[in-house]
Amino acid sequence: MSIEPGIPTLGPLEEQVMHILWDHGKLTVREVSEFLPGDPAYTTIATVLRHLGRKGMVTIVKDGRTARHSALMNREEYTAGVMDQVLSTSRDRSASILHFVDTITATDRELLLEYLQQQEGRK
């Protein structure tokens, strides 16, 4: 089930694997496994990476005879896409955005305000 084109829903293990790729870059199946808690089976991680590839989240980059897996979008792009999808399910998008802004920290509101002012200055 996809959240929106290009922004798929991730299961818990898929999300863990994506965070590992976002944090560490191009990795082999074995390298991804080493960052996970416990001792996950090689085949389990290979399957997760294959699923992430089908979801358009991961690509395989050949490094000689080694296959490395790389994220196709960064964490921020993914998070923004998820946030947009959540907002699109609201019956009142404006009210949801305003409520969200009311709940974020003062530091985050200042960041948002500064960004919006910069954007206005570019027009």
PDB file of N, CA and C in Angstrom:
ATOM      1  N   MET A   1       0.848  -1.175   0.000  1.00  0.00           N
ATOM      2  CA  MET A   1       0.000   0.000   0.000  1.00  0.00           C
ATOM      3  C   MET A   1       0.891   1.233   0.000  1.00  0.00           C
ATOM      4  N   SER A   2       0.674   2.120  -0.908  1.00  0.00           N
ATOM      5  CA  SER A   2       1.522   3.288  -1.054  1.00  0.00           C
ATOM      6  C   SER A   2       0.848   4.513  -0.461  1.00  0.00           C
ATOM      7  N   ILE A   3       1.620   5.341   0.217  1.00  0.00           N
ATOM      8  CA  ILE A   3       1.082   6.576   0.769  1.00  0.00           C
ATOM      9  C   ILE A   3       0.740   7.517  -0.367  1.00  0.00           C
ATOM     10  N   GLU A   4       1.619   7.682  -1.314  1.00  0.00           N
ATOM     11  CA  GLU A   4       1.404   8.445  -2.532  1.00  0.00           C
ATOM     12  C   GLU A   4       2.467   8.001  -3.505  1.00  0.00           C
ATOM     13  N   PRO A   5       2.306   8.309  -4.793  1.00  0.00           N
ATOM     14  CA  PRO A   5       3.340   7.879  -5.734  1.00  0.00           C
ATOM     15  C   PRO A   5       4.714   8.335  -5.262  1.00  0.00           C
ATOM     16  N   GLY A   6       5.635   7.375  -5.153  1.00  0.00           N
ATOM     17  CA  GLY A   6       6.985   7.693  -4.734  1.00  0.00           C
ATOM     18  C   GLY A   6       7.200   7.717  -3.230  1.00  0.00           C
ATOM     19  N   ILE A   7       6.130   7.709  -2.446  1.00  0.00           N
ATOM     20  CA  ILE A   7       6.264   7.724  -0.986  1.00  0.00           C
ATOM     21  C   ILE A   7       5.517   6.507  -0.437  1.00  0.00           C
ATOM     22  N   PRO A   8       6.193   5.371  -0.368  1.00  0.00           N
ATOM     23  CA  PRO A   8       5.527   4.161   0.106  1.00  0.00           C
ATOM     24  C   PRO A   8       5.437   4.095   1.631  1.00  0.00           C
ATOM     25  N   THR A   9       4.509   3.298   2.096  1.00  0.00           N
ATOM     26  CA  THR A   9       4.422   2.993   3.519  1.00  0.00           C
ATOM     27  C   THR A   9       5.520   1.978   3.837  1.00  0.00           C
ATOM     28  N   LEU A  10       6.235   2.196   4.938  1.00  0.00           N
ATOM     29  CA  LEU A  10       7.309   1.282   5.329  1.00  0.00           C
ATOM     30  C   LEU A  10       6.925   0.524   6.587  1.00  0.00           C
ATOM     31  N   GLY A  11       7.255  -0.760   6.602  1.00  0.00           N
ATOM     32  CA  GLY A  11       7.101  -1.553   7.808  1.00  0.00           C
ATOM     33  C   GLY A  11       8.223  -1.224   8.778  1.00  0.00           C
ATOM     34  N   PRO A  12       8.131  -1.716  10.018  1.00  0.00           N
ATOM     35  CA  PRO A  12       9.144  -1.379  11.031  1.00  0.00           C
ATOM     36  C   PRO A  12      10.576  -1.753  10.638  1.00  0.00           C
ATOM     37  N   LEU A  13      10.781  -2.946  10.098  1.00  0.00           N
ATOM     38  CA  LEU A  13      12.132  -3.351   9.707  1.00  0.00           C
ATOM     39  C   LEU A  13      12.592  -2.560   8.483  1.00  0.00           C
ATOM     40  N   GLU A  14      11.691  -2.318   7.549  1.00  0.00           N
ATOM     41  CA  GLU A  14      12.044  -1.502   6.384  1.00  0.00           C
ATOM     42  C   GLU A  14      12.481  -0.106   6.824  1.00  0.00           C
ATOM     43  N   GLU A  15      11.768   0.449   7.789  1.00  0.00           N
ATOM     44  CA  GLU A  15      12.112   1.778   8.291  1.00  0.00           C
ATOM     45  C   GLU A  15      13.491   1.758   8.958  1.00  0.00           C
ATOM     46  N   GLN A  16      13.766   0.732   9.756  1.00  0.00           N
ATOM     47  CA  GLN A  16      15.090   0.604  10.389  1.00  0.00           C
ATOM     48  C   GLN A  16      16.189   0.550   9.335  1.00  0.00           C
ATOM     49  N   VAL A  17      15.960  -0.241   8.299  1.00  0.00           N
ATOM     50  CA  VAL A  17      16.957  -0.392   7.236  1.00  0.00           C
ATOM     51  C   VAL A  17      17.162   0.943   6.512  1.00  0.00           C
ATOM     52  N   MET A  18      16.079   1.667   6.244  1.00  0.00           N
ATOM     53  CA  MET A  18      16.219   2.968   5.585  1.00  0.00           C
ATOM     54  C   MET A  18      17.023   3.927   6.446  1.00  0.00           C
ATOM     55  N   HIS A  19      16.777   3.947   7.746  1.00  0.00           N
ATOM     56  CA  HIS A  19      17.547   4.840   8.623  1.00  0.00           C
ATOM     57  C   HIS A  19      19.033   4.473   8.598  1.00  0.00           C
ATOM     58  N   ILE A  20      19.329   3.194   8.515  1.00  0.00           N
ATOM     59  CA  ILE A  20      20.722   2.758   8.423  1.00  0.00           C
ATOM     60  C   ILE A  20      21.352   3.269   7.123  1.00  0.00           C
ATOM     61  N   LEU A  21      20.629   3.130   6.017  1.00  0.00           N
ATOM     62  CA  LEU A  21      21.155   3.617   4.737  1.00  0.00           C
ATOM     63  C   LEU A  21      21.294   5.137   4.750  1.00  0.00           C
ATOM     64  N   TRP A  22      20.319   5.837   5.324  1.00  0.00           N
ATOM     65  CA  TRP A  22      20.415   7.295   5.409  1.00  0.00           C
ATOM     66  C   TRP A  22      21.606   7.719   6.265  1.00  0.00           C
ATOM     67  N   ASP A  23      21.865   6.984   7.329  1.00  0.00           N
ATOM     68  CA  ASP A  23      22.956   7.345   8.240  1.00  0.00           C
ATOM     69  C   ASP A  23      24.337   6.955   7.722  1.00  0.00           C
ATOM     70  N   HIS A  24      24.411   5.857   6.940  1.00  0.00           N
ATOM     71  CA  HIS A  24      25.727   5.297   6.599  1.00  0.00           C
ATOM     72  C   HIS A  24      26.012   5.218   5.102  1.00  0.00           C
ATOM     73  N   GLY A  25      25.055   5.546   4.259  1.00  0.00           N
ATOM     74  CA  GLY A  25      25.310   5.530   2.819  1.00  0.00           C
ATOM     75  C   GLY A  25      25.179   4.151   2.203  1.00  0.00           C
ATOM     76  N   LYS A  26      25.930   3.918   1.143  1.00  0.00           N
ATOM     77  CA  LYS A  26      25.855   2.677   0.359  1.00  0.00           C
ATOM     78  C   LYS A  26      26.421   1.510   1.152  1.00  0.00           C
ATOM     79  N   LEU A  27      25.581   0.484   1.349  1.00  0.00           N
ATOM     80  CA  LEU A  27      25.990  -0.662   2.155  1.00  0.00           C
ATOM     81  C   LEU A  27      25.615  -1.982   1.488  1.00  0.00           C
ATOM     82  N   THR A  28      26.368  -3.014   1.817  1.00  0.00           N
ATOM     83  CA  THR A  28      26.019  -4.371   1.394  1.00  0.00           C
ATOM     84  C   THR A  28      24.958  -4.912   2.354  1.00  0.00           C
ATOM     85  N   VAL A  29      24.361  -6.030   1.989  1.00  0.00           N
ATOM     86  CA  VAL A  29      23.386  -6.689   2.865  1.00  0.00           C
ATOM     87  C   VAL A  29      24.035  -6.981   4.216  1.00  0.00           C
ATOM     88  N   ARG A  30      25.222  -7.523   4.185  1.00  0.00           N
ATOM     89  CA  ARG A  30      25.914  -7.880   5.428  1.00  0.00           C
ATOM     90  C   ARG A  30      26.188  -6.640   6.282  1.00  0.00           C
ATOM     91  N   GLU A  31      26.595  -5.552   5.664  1.00  0.00           N
ATOM     92  CA  GLU A  31      26.863  -4.316   6.415  1.00  0.00           C
ATOM     93  C   GLU A  31      25.593  -3.771   7.054  1.00  0.00           C
ATOM     94  N   VAL A  32      24.484  -3.825   6.318  1.00  0.00           N
ATOM     95  CA  VAL A  32      23.204  -3.391   6.901  1.00  0.00           C
ATOM     96  C   VAL A  32      22.899  -4.259   8.118  1.00  0.00           C
ATOM     97  N   SER A  33      23.070  -5.566   7.991  1.00  0.00           N
ATOM     98  CA  SER A  33      22.796  -6.502   9.083  1.00  0.00           C
ATOM     99  C   SER A  33      23.601  -6.169  10.335  1.00  0.00           C
ATOM    100  N   GLU A  34      24.835  -5.752  10.141  1.00  0.00           N
ATOM    101  CA  GLU A  34      25.714  -5.448  11.278  1.00  0.00           C
ATOM    102  C   GLU A  34      25.216  -4.256  12.101  1.00  0.00           C
ATOM    103  N   PHE A  35      24.470  -3.354  11.483  1.00  0.00           N
ATOM    104  CA  PHE A  35      23.939  -2.191  12.196  1.00  0.00           C
ATOM    105  C   PHE A  35      22.624  -2.489  12.920  1.00  0.00           C
ATOM    106  N   LEU A  36      22.015  -3.627  12.619  1.00  0.00           N
ATOM    107  CA  LEU A  36      20.727  -3.982  13.229  1.00  0.00           C
ATOM    108  C   LEU A  36      20.939  -4.717  14.550  1.00  0.00           C
ATOM    109  N   PRO A  37      20.025  -4.527  15.498  1.00  0.00           N
ATOM    110  CA  PRO A  37      20.144  -5.262  16.764  1.00  0.00           C
ATOM    111  C   PRO A  37      19.915  -6.756  16.541  1.00  0.00           C
ATOM    112  N   GLY A  38      20.456  -7.546  17.423  1.00  0.00           N
ATOM    113  CA  GLY A  38      20.304  -8.999  17.304  1.00  0.00           C
ATOM    114  C   GLY A  38      21.192  -9.513  16.196  1.00  0.00           C
ATOM    115  N   ASP A  39      20.791 -10.611  15.631  1.00  0.00           N
ATOM    116  CA  ASP A  39      21.555 -11.232  14.562  1.00  0.00           C
ATOM    117  C   ASP A  39      20.591 -11.606  13.440  1.00  0.00           C
ATOM    118  N   PRO A  40      20.107 -10.599  12.679  1.00  0.00           N
ATOM    119  CA  PRO A  40      19.119 -10.909  11.641  1.00  0.00           C
ATOM    120  C   PRO A  40      19.719 -11.787  10.548  1.00  0.00           C
ATOM    121  N   ALA A  41      18.909 -12.653  10.014  1.00  0.00           N
ATOM    122  CA  ALA A  41      19.363 -13.544   8.943  1.00  0.00           C
ATOM    123  C   ALA A  41      19.688 -12.728   7.697  1.00  0.00           C
ATOM    124  N   TYR A  42      20.748 -13.124   7.027  1.00  0.00           N
ATOM    125  CA  TYR A  42      21.170 -12.474   5.781  1.00  0.00           C
ATOM    126  C   TYR A  42      20.001 -12.436   4.800  1.00  0.00           C
ATOM    127  N   THR A  43      19.292 -13.561   4.682  1.00  0.00           N
ATOM    128  CA  THR A  43      18.189 -13.641   3.715  1.00  0.00           C
ATOM    129  C   THR A  43      17.052 -12.684   4.078  1.00  0.00           C
ATOM    130  N   THR A  44      16.821 -12.465   5.359  1.00  0.00           N
ATOM    131  CA  THR A  44      15.771 -11.531   5.789  1.00  0.00           C
ATOM    132  C   THR A  44      16.105 -10.118   5.325  1.00  0.00           C
ATOM    133  N   ILE A  45      17.341  -9.701   5.553  1.00  0.00           N
ATOM    134  CA  ILE A  45      17.751  -8.349   5.169  1.00  0.00           C
ATOM    135  C   ILE A  45      17.793  -8.211   3.651  1.00  0.00           C
ATOM    136  N   ALA A  46      18.230  -9.246   2.958  1.00  0.00           N
ATOM    137  CA  ALA A  46      18.228  -9.221   1.491  1.00  0.00           C
ATOM    138  C   ALA A  46      16.811  -9.064   0.966  1.00  0.00           C
ATOM    139  N   THR A  47      15.866  -9.750   1.588  1.00  0.00           N
ATOM    140  CA  THR A  47      14.462  -9.641   1.184  1.00  0.00           C
ATOM    141  C   THR A  47      13.916  -8.244   1.457  1.00  0.00           C
ATOM    142  N   VAL A  48      14.233  -7.697   2.621  1.00  0.00           N
ATOM    143  CA  VAL A  48      13.786  -6.336   2.956  1.00  0.00           C
ATOM    144  C   VAL A  48      14.339  -5.342   1.937  1.00  0.00           C
ATOM    145  N   LEU A  49      15.609  -5.461   1.603  1.00  0.00           N
ATOM    146  CA  LEU A  49      16.208  -4.545   0.628  1.00  0.00           C
ATOM    147  C   LEU A  49      15.581  -4.718  -0.754  1.00  0.00           C
ATOM    148  N   ARG A  50      15.238  -5.940  -1.118  1.00  0.00           N
ATOM    149  CA  ARG A  50      14.561  -6.180  -2.400  1.00  0.00           C
ATOM    150  C   ARG A  50      13.189  -5.524  -2.403  1.00  0.00           C
ATOM    151  N   HIS A  51      12.451  -5.641  -1.283  1.00  0.00           N
ATOM    152  CA  HIS A  51      11.138  -4.990  -1.169  1.00  0.00           C
ATOM    153  C   HIS A  51      11.279  -3.467  -1.250  1.00  0.00           C
ATOM    154  N   LEU A  52      12.286  -2.934  -0.573  1.00  0.00           N
ATOM    155  CA  LEU A  52      12.516  -1.489  -0.628  1.00  0.00           C
ATOM    156  C   LEU A  52      12.866  -1.052  -2.058  1.00  0.00           C
ATOM    157  N   GLY A  53      13.549  -1.897  -2.788  1.00  0.00           N
ATOM    158  CA  GLY A  53      13.834  -1.607  -4.193  1.00  0.00           C
ATOM    159  C   GLY A  53      12.567  -1.548  -5.021  1.00  0.00           C
ATOM    160  N   ARG A  54      11.658  -2.504  -4.797  1.00  0.00           N
ATOM    161  CA  ARG A  54      10.382  -2.503  -5.520  1.00  0.00           C
ATOM    162  C   ARG A  54       9.524  -1.299  -5.158  1.00  0.00           C
ATOM    163  N   LYS A  55       9.696  -0.798  -3.950  1.00  0.00           N
ATOM    164  CA  LYS A  55       8.946   0.378  -3.498  1.00  0.00           C
ATOM    165  C   LYS A  55       9.584   1.688  -3.971  1.00  0.00           C
ATOM    166  N   GLY A  56      10.700   1.582  -4.671  1.00  0.00           N
ATOM    167  CA  GLY A  56      11.360   2.770  -5.183  1.00  0.00           C
ATOM    168  C   GLY A  56      12.159   3.544  -4.151  1.00  0.00           C
ATOM    169  N   MET A  57      12.519   2.875  -3.052  1.00  0.00           N
ATOM    170  CA  MET A  57      13.255   3.544  -1.981  1.00  0.00           C
ATOM    171  C   MET A  57      14.760   3.272  -2.048  1.00  0.00           C
ATOM    172  N   VAL A  58      15.139   2.160  -2.659  1.00  0.00           N
ATOM    173  CA  VAL A  58      16.534   1.714  -2.646  1.00  0.00           C
ATOM    174  C   VAL A  58      16.926   1.269  -4.048  1.00  0.00           C
ATOM    175  N   THR A  59      18.176   1.503  -4.382  1.00  0.00           N
ATOM    176  CA  THR A  59      18.722   0.993  -5.639  1.00  0.00           C
ATOM    177  C   THR A  59      19.993   0.224  -5.326  1.00  0.00           C
ATOM    178  N   ILE A  60      20.355  -0.656  -6.236  1.00  0.00           N
ATOM    179  CA  ILE A  60      21.602  -1.415  -6.088  1.00  0.00           C
ATOM    180  C   ILE A  60      22.674  -0.718  -6.917  1.00  0.00           C
ATOM    181  N   VAL A  61      23.811  -0.470  -6.276  1.00  0.00           N
ATOM    182  CA  VAL A  61      24.953   0.157  -6.930  1.00  0.00           C
ATOM    183  C   VAL A  61      26.065  -0.888  -6.959  1.00  0.00           C
ATOM    184  N   LYS A  62      26.520  -1.231  -8.143  1.00  0.00           N
ATOM    185  CA  LYS A  62      27.606  -2.214  -8.275  1.00  0.00           C
ATOM    186  C   LYS A  62      28.938  -1.567  -7.914  1.00  0.00           C
ATOM    187  N   ASP A  63      29.679  -2.258  -7.080  1.00  0.00           N
ATOM    188  CA  ASP A  63      31.006  -1.815  -6.660  1.00  0.00           C
ATOM    189  C   ASP A  63      31.936  -2.986  -6.923  1.00  0.00           C
ATOM    190  N   GLY A  64      32.376  -3.098  -8.177  1.00  0.00           N
ATOM    191  CA  GLY A  64      33.123  -4.291  -8.590  1.00  0.00           C
ATOM    192  C   GLY A  64      32.165  -5.470  -8.611  1.00  0.00           C
ATOM    193  N   ARG A  65      32.487  -6.497  -7.844  1.00  0.00           N
ATOM    194  CA  ARG A  65      31.593  -7.658  -7.755  1.00  0.00           C
ATOM    195  C   ARG A  65      30.635  -7.535  -6.578  1.00  0.00           C
ATOM    196  N   THR A  66      30.747  -6.455  -5.843  1.00  0.00           N
ATOM    197  CA  THR A  66      29.924  -6.253  -4.654  1.00  0.00           C
ATOM    198  C   THR A  66      28.694  -5.423  -4.998  1.00  0.00           C
ATOM    199  N   ALA A  67      27.554  -5.830  -4.448  1.00  0.00           N
ATOM    200  CA  ALA A  67      26.310  -5.068  -4.619  1.00  0.00           C
ATOM    201  C   ALA A  67      26.080  -4.240  -3.353  1.00  0.00           C
ATOM    202  N   ARG A  68      26.011  -2.945  -3.528  1.00  0.00           N
ATOM    203  CA  ARG A  68      25.722  -2.046  -2.416  1.00  0.00           C
ATOM    204  C   ARG A  68      24.343  -1.444  -2.627  1.00  0.00           C
ATOM    205  N   HIS A  69      23.667  -1.206  -1.539  1.00  0.00           N
ATOM    206  CA  HIS A  69      22.316  -0.651  -1.593  1.00  0.00           C
ATOM    207  C   HIS A  69      22.360   0.796  -1.151  1.00  0.00           C
ATOM    208  N   SER A  70      21.649   1.632  -1.901  1.00  0.00           N
ATOM    209  CA  SER A  70      21.676   3.063  -1.651  1.00  0.00           C
ATOM    210  C   SER A  70      20.253   3.617  -1.648  1.00  0.00           C
ATOM    211  N   ALA A  71      19.991   4.545  -0.747  1.00  0.00           N
ATOM    212  CA  ALA A  71      18.671   5.185  -0.681  1.00  0.00           C
ATOM    213  C   ALA A  71      18.476   6.078  -1.904  1.00  0.00           C
ATOM    214  N   LEU A  72      17.273   6.053  -2.458  1.00  0.00           N
ATOM    215  CA  LEU A  72      16.959   6.873  -3.629  1.00  0.00           C
ATOM    216  C   LEU A  72      16.428   8.254  -3.262  1.00  0.00           C
ATOM    217  N   MET A  73      15.984   8.415  -2.032  1.00  0.00           N
ATOM    218  CA  MET A  73      15.565   9.741  -1.563  1.00  0.00           C
ATOM    219  C   MET A  73      16.114   9.914  -0.159  1.00  0.00           C
ATOM    220  N   ASN A  74      16.328  11.155   0.212  1.00  0.00           N
ATOM    221  CA  ASN A  74      16.881  11.361   1.543  1.00  0.00           C
ATOM    222  C   ASN A  74      15.769  11.348   2.600  1.00  0.00           C
ATOM    223  N   ARG A  75      16.194  11.291   3.833  1.00  0.00           N
ATOM    224  CA  ARG A  75      15.263  11.194   4.964  1.00  0.00           C
ATOM    225  C   ARG A  75      14.279  12.369   4.969  1.00  0.00           C
ATOM    226  N   GLU A  76      14.771  13.561   4.668  1.00  0.00           N
ATOM    227  CA  GLU A  76      13.924  14.754   4.703  1.00  0.00           C
ATOM    228  C   GLU A  76      12.851  14.717   3.617  1.00  0.00           C
ATOM    229  N   GLU A  77      13.227  14.268   2.420  1.00  0.00           N
ATOM    230  CA  GLU A  77      12.247  14.141   1.335  1.00  0.00           C
ATOM    231  C   GLU A  77      11.164  13.129   1.711  1.00  0.00           C
ATOM    232  N   TYR A  78      11.594  12.010   2.269  1.00  0.00           N
ATOM    233  CA  TYR A  78      10.631  10.989   2.669  1.00  0.00           C
ATOM    234  C   TYR A  78       9.688  11.529   3.750  1.00  0.00           C
ATOM    235  N   THR A  79      10.263  12.157   4.776  1.00  0.00           N
ATOM    236  CA  THR A  79       9.455  12.682   5.876  1.00  0.00           C
ATOM    237  C   THR A  79       8.474  13.734   5.376  1.00  0.00           C
ATOM    238  N   ALA A  80       8.927  14.631   4.511  1.00  0.00           N
ATOM    239  CA  ALA A  80       8.043  15.659   3.964  1.00  0.00           C
ATOM    240  C   ALA A  80       6.911  15.027   3.152  1.00  0.00           C
ATOM    241  N   GLY A  81       7.219  13.985   2.405  1.00  0.00           N
ATOM    242  CA  GLY A  81       6.183  13.294   1.634  1.00  0.00           C
ATOM    243  C   GLY A  81       5.139  12.643   2.523  1.00  0.00           C
ATOM    244  N   VAL A  82       5.599  12.036   3.616  1.00  0.00           N
ATOM    245  CA  VAL A  82       4.678  11.422   4.570  1.00  0.00           C
ATOM    246  C   VAL A  82       3.808  12.493   5.220  1.00  0.00           C
ATOM    247  N   MET A  83       4.434  13.604   5.608  1.00  0.00           N
ATOM    248  CA  MET A  83       3.674  14.700   6.224  1.00  0.00           C
ATOM    249  C   MET A  83       2.614  15.236   5.262  1.00  0.00           C
ATOM    250  N   ASP A  84       2.983  15.409   3.998  1.00  0.00           N
ATOM    251  CA  ASP A  84       2.031  15.900   3.002  1.00  0.00           C
ATOM    252  C   ASP A  84       0.871  14.928   2.832  1.00  0.00           C
ATOM    253  N   GLN A  85       1.180  13.629   2.816  1.00  0.00           N
ATOM    254  CA  GLN A  85       0.122  12.631   2.681  1.00  0.00           C
ATOM    255  C   GLN A  85      -0.828  12.680   3.873  1.00  0.00           C
ATOM    256  N   VAL A  86      -0.284  12.800   5.069  1.00  0.00           N
ATOM    257  CA  VAL A  86      -1.125  12.870   6.264  1.00  0.00           C
ATOM    258  C   VAL A  86      -2.022  14.094   6.180  1.00  0.00           C
ATOM    259  N   LEU A  87      -1.465  15.218   5.773  1.00  0.00           N
ATOM    260  CA  LEU A  87      -2.281  16.430   5.633  1.00  0.00           C
ATOM    261  C   LEU A  87      -3.364  16.271   4.569  1.00  0.00           C
ATOM    262  N   SER A  88      -3.058  15.534   3.519  1.00  0.00           N
ATOM    263  CA  SER A  88      -4.043  15.365   2.443  1.00  0.00           C
ATOM    264  C   SER A  88      -5.228  14.506   2.876  1.00  0.00           C
ATOM    265  N   THR A  89      -5.081  13.763   3.969  1.00  0.00           N
ATOM    266  CA  THR A  89      -6.206  12.953   4.449  1.00  0.00           C
ATOM    267  C   THR A  89      -7.127  13.751   5.372  1.00  0.00           C
ATOM    268  N   SER A  90      -6.697  14.943   5.745  1.00  0.00           N
ATOM    269  CA  SER A  90      -7.493  15.780   6.637  1.00  0.00           C
ATOM    270  C   SER A  90      -8.688  16.365   5.890  1.00  0.00           C
ATOM    271  N   ARG A  91      -9.792  16.475   6.575  1.00  0.00           N
ATOM    272  CA  ARG A  91     -10.960  17.128   5.969  1.00  0.00           C
ATOM    273  C   ARG A  91     -10.786  18.635   5.935  1.00  0.00           C
ATOM    274  N   ASP A  92      -9.893  19.145   6.782  1.00  0.00           N
ATOM    275  CA  ASP A  92      -9.599  20.574   6.819  1.00  0.00           C
ATOM    276  C   ASP A  92      -8.086  20.743   6.921  1.00  0.00           C
ATOM    277  N   ARG A  93      -7.441  20.748   5.761  1.00  0.00           N
ATOM    278  CA  ARG A  93      -5.979  20.816   5.701  1.00  0.00           C
ATOM    279  C   ARG A  93      -5.455  22.049   6.426  1.00  0.00           C
ATOM    280  N   SER A  94      -6.091  23.197   6.213  1.00  0.00           N
ATOM    281  CA  SER A  94      -5.643  24.444   6.851  1.00  0.00           C
ATOM    282  C   SER A  94      -5.674  24.332   8.369  1.00  0.00           C
ATOM    283  N   ALA A  95      -6.756  23.805   8.907  1.00  0.00           N
ATOM    284  CA  ALA A  95      -6.867  23.657  10.360  1.00  0.00           C
ATOM    285  C   ALA A  95      -5.806  22.689  10.882  1.00  0.00           C
ATOM    286  N   SER A  96      -5.532  21.641  10.128  1.00  0.00           N
ATOM    287  CA  SER A  96      -4.508  20.678  10.549  1.00  0.00           C
ATOM    288  C   SER A  96      -3.125  21.319  10.562  1.00  0.00           C
ATOM    289  N   ILE A  97      -2.828  22.102   9.530  1.00  0.00           N
ATOM    290  CA  ILE A  97      -1.532  22.788   9.481  1.00  0.00           C
ATOM    291  C   ILE A  97      -1.413  23.751  10.660  1.00  0.00           C
ATOM    292  N   LEU A  98      -2.453  24.536  10.902  1.00  0.00           N
ATOM    293  CA  LEU A  98      -2.406  25.506  12.000  1.00  0.00           C
ATOM    294  C   LEU A  98      -2.292  24.813  13.351  1.00  0.00           C
ATOM    295  N   HIS A  99      -2.994  23.715  13.520  1.00  0.00           N
ATOM    296  CA  HIS A  99      -2.881  22.965  14.780  1.00  0.00           C
ATOM    297  C   HIS A  99      -1.470  22.425  14.952  1.00  0.00           C
ATOM    298  N   PHE A 100      -0.898  21.910  13.873  1.00  0.00           N
ATOM    299  CA  PHE A 100       0.470  21.406  13.926  1.00  0.00           C
ATOM    300  C   PHE A 100       1.435  22.516  14.353  1.00  0.00           C
ATOM    301  N   VAL A 101       1.300  23.691  13.731  1.00  0.00           N
ATOM    302  CA  VAL A 101       2.180  24.810  14.071  1.00  0.00           C
ATOM    303  C   VAL A 101       2.000  25.205  15.537  1.00  0.00           C
ATOM    304  N   ASP A 102       0.775  25.117  16.045  1.00  0.00           N
ATOM    305  CA  ASP A 102       0.525  25.430  17.459  1.00  0.00           C
ATOM    306  C   ASP A 102       1.211  24.445  18.395  1.00  0.00           C
ATOM    307  N   THR A 103       1.483  23.234  17.920  1.00  0.00           N
ATOM    308  CA  THR A 103       2.048  22.206  18.798  1.00  0.00           C
ATOM    309  C   THR A 103       3.564  22.082  18.716  1.00  0.00           C
ATOM    310  N   ILE A 104       4.205  22.731  17.739  1.00  0.00           N
ATOM    311  CA  ILE A 104       5.656  22.614  17.619  1.00  0.00           C
ATOM    312  C   ILE A 104       6.342  23.576  18.590  1.00  0.00           C
ATOM    313  N   THR A 105       7.604  23.327  18.825  1.00  0.00           N
ATOM    314  CA  THR A 105       8.349  24.143  19.774  1.00  0.00           C
ATOM    315  C   THR A 105       8.547  25.556  19.239  1.00  0.00           C
ATOM    316  N   ALA A 106       8.842  26.474  20.146  1.00  0.00           N
ATOM    317  CA  ALA A 106       9.109  27.855  19.756  1.00  0.00           C
ATOM    318  C   ALA A 106      10.293  27.922  18.790  1.00  0.00           C
ATOM    319  N   THR A 107      11.295  27.088  19.013  1.00  0.00           N
ATOM    320  CA  THR A 107      12.462  27.048  18.129  1.00  0.00           C
ATOM    321  C   THR A 107      12.062  26.637  16.715  1.00  0.00           C
ATOM    322  N   ASP A 108      11.200  25.629  16.611  1.00  0.00           N
ATOM    323  CA  ASP A 108      10.735  25.179  15.296  1.00  0.00           C
ATOM    324  C   ASP A 108       9.879  26.251  14.628  1.00  0.00           C
ATOM    325  N   ARG A 109       9.048  26.955  15.413  1.00  0.00           N
ATOM    326  CA  ARG A 109       8.230  28.039  14.845  1.00  0.00           C
ATOM    327  C   ARG A 109       9.128  29.161  14.319  1.00  0.00           C
ATOM    328  N   GLU A 110      10.180  29.485  15.063  1.00  0.00           N
ATOM    329  CA  GLU A 110      11.124  30.520  14.608  1.00  0.00           C
ATOM    330  C   GLU A 110      11.797  30.098  13.312  1.00  0.00           C
ATOM    331  N   LEU A 111      12.197  28.844  13.232  1.00  0.00           N
ATOM    332  CA  LEU A 111      12.804  28.315  12.010  1.00  0.00           C
ATOM    333  C   LEU A 111      11.842  28.445  10.837  1.00  0.00           C
ATOM    334  N   LEU A 112      10.610  28.059  11.051  1.00  0.00           N
ATOM    335  CA  LEU A 112       9.594  28.137  10.006  1.00  0.00           C
ATOM    336  C   LEU A 112       9.351  29.587   9.586  1.00  0.00           C
ATOM    337  N   LEU A 113       9.243  30.475  10.542  1.00  0.00           N
ATOM    338  CA  LEU A 113       9.018  31.889  10.250  1.00  0.00           C
ATOM    339  C   LEU A 113      10.182  32.473   9.450  1.00  0.00           C
ATOM    340  N   GLU A 114      11.401  32.171   9.873  1.00  0.00           N
ATOM    341  CA  GLU A 114      12.579  32.661   9.145  1.00  0.00           C
ATOM    342  C   GLU A 114      12.585  32.139   7.713  1.00  0.00           C
ATOM    343  N   TYR A 115      12.261  30.878   7.549  1.00  0.00           N
ATOM    344  CA  TYR A 115      12.232  30.287   6.212  1.00  0.00           C
ATOM    345  C   TYR A 115      11.180  30.966   5.343  1.00  0.00           C
ATOM    346  N   LEU A 116       9.994  31.162   5.885  1.00  0.00           N
ATOM    347  CA  LEU A 116       8.914  31.814   5.116  1.00  0.00           C
ATOM    348  C   LEU A 116       9.276  33.245   4.760  1.00  0.00           C
ATOM    349  N   GLN A 117       9.935  33.955   5.658  1.00  0.00           N
ATOM    350  CA  GLN A 117      10.372  35.319   5.365  1.00  0.00           C
ATOM    351  C   GLN A 117      11.421  35.338   4.248  1.00  0.00           C
ATOM    352  N   GLN A 118      12.329  34.373   4.271  1.00  0.00           N
ATOM    353  CA  GLN A 118      13.320  34.258   3.201  1.00  0.00           C
ATOM    354  C   GLN A 118      12.650  33.985   1.860  1.00  0.00           C
ATOM    355  N   GLN A 119      11.651  33.124   1.868  1.00  0.00           N
ATOM    356  CA  GLN A 119      10.934  32.794   0.641  1.00  0.00           C
ATOM    357  C   GLN A 119      10.206  34.018   0.097  1.00  0.00           C
ATOM    358  N   GLU A 120       9.613  34.806   0.986  1.00  0.00           N
ATOM    359  CA  GLU A 120       8.929  36.028   0.570  1.00  0.00           C
ATOM    360  C   GLU A 120       9.923  37.022  -0.031  1.00  0.00           C
ATOM    361  N   GLY A 121      11.122  37.093   0.534  1.00  0.00           N
ATOM    362  CA  GLY A 121      12.158  37.995   0.047  1.00  0.00           C
ATOM    363  C   GLY A 121      12.643  37.627  -1.347  1.00  0.00           C
ATOM    364  N   ARG A 122      12.461  36.399  -1.755  1.00  0.00           N
ATOM    365  CA  ARG A 122      12.908  35.930  -3.082  1.00  0.00           C
ATOM    366  C   ARG A 122      11.906  36.246  -4.178  1.00  0.00           C
ATOM    367  N   LYS A 123      10.713  36.664  -3.782  1.00  0.00           N
ATOM    368  CA  LYS A 123       9.672  36.926  -4.798  1.00  0.00           C
ATOM    369  C   LYS A 123       9.839  38.291  -5.414  1.00  0.00           C
TER     370      LYS A 123
END
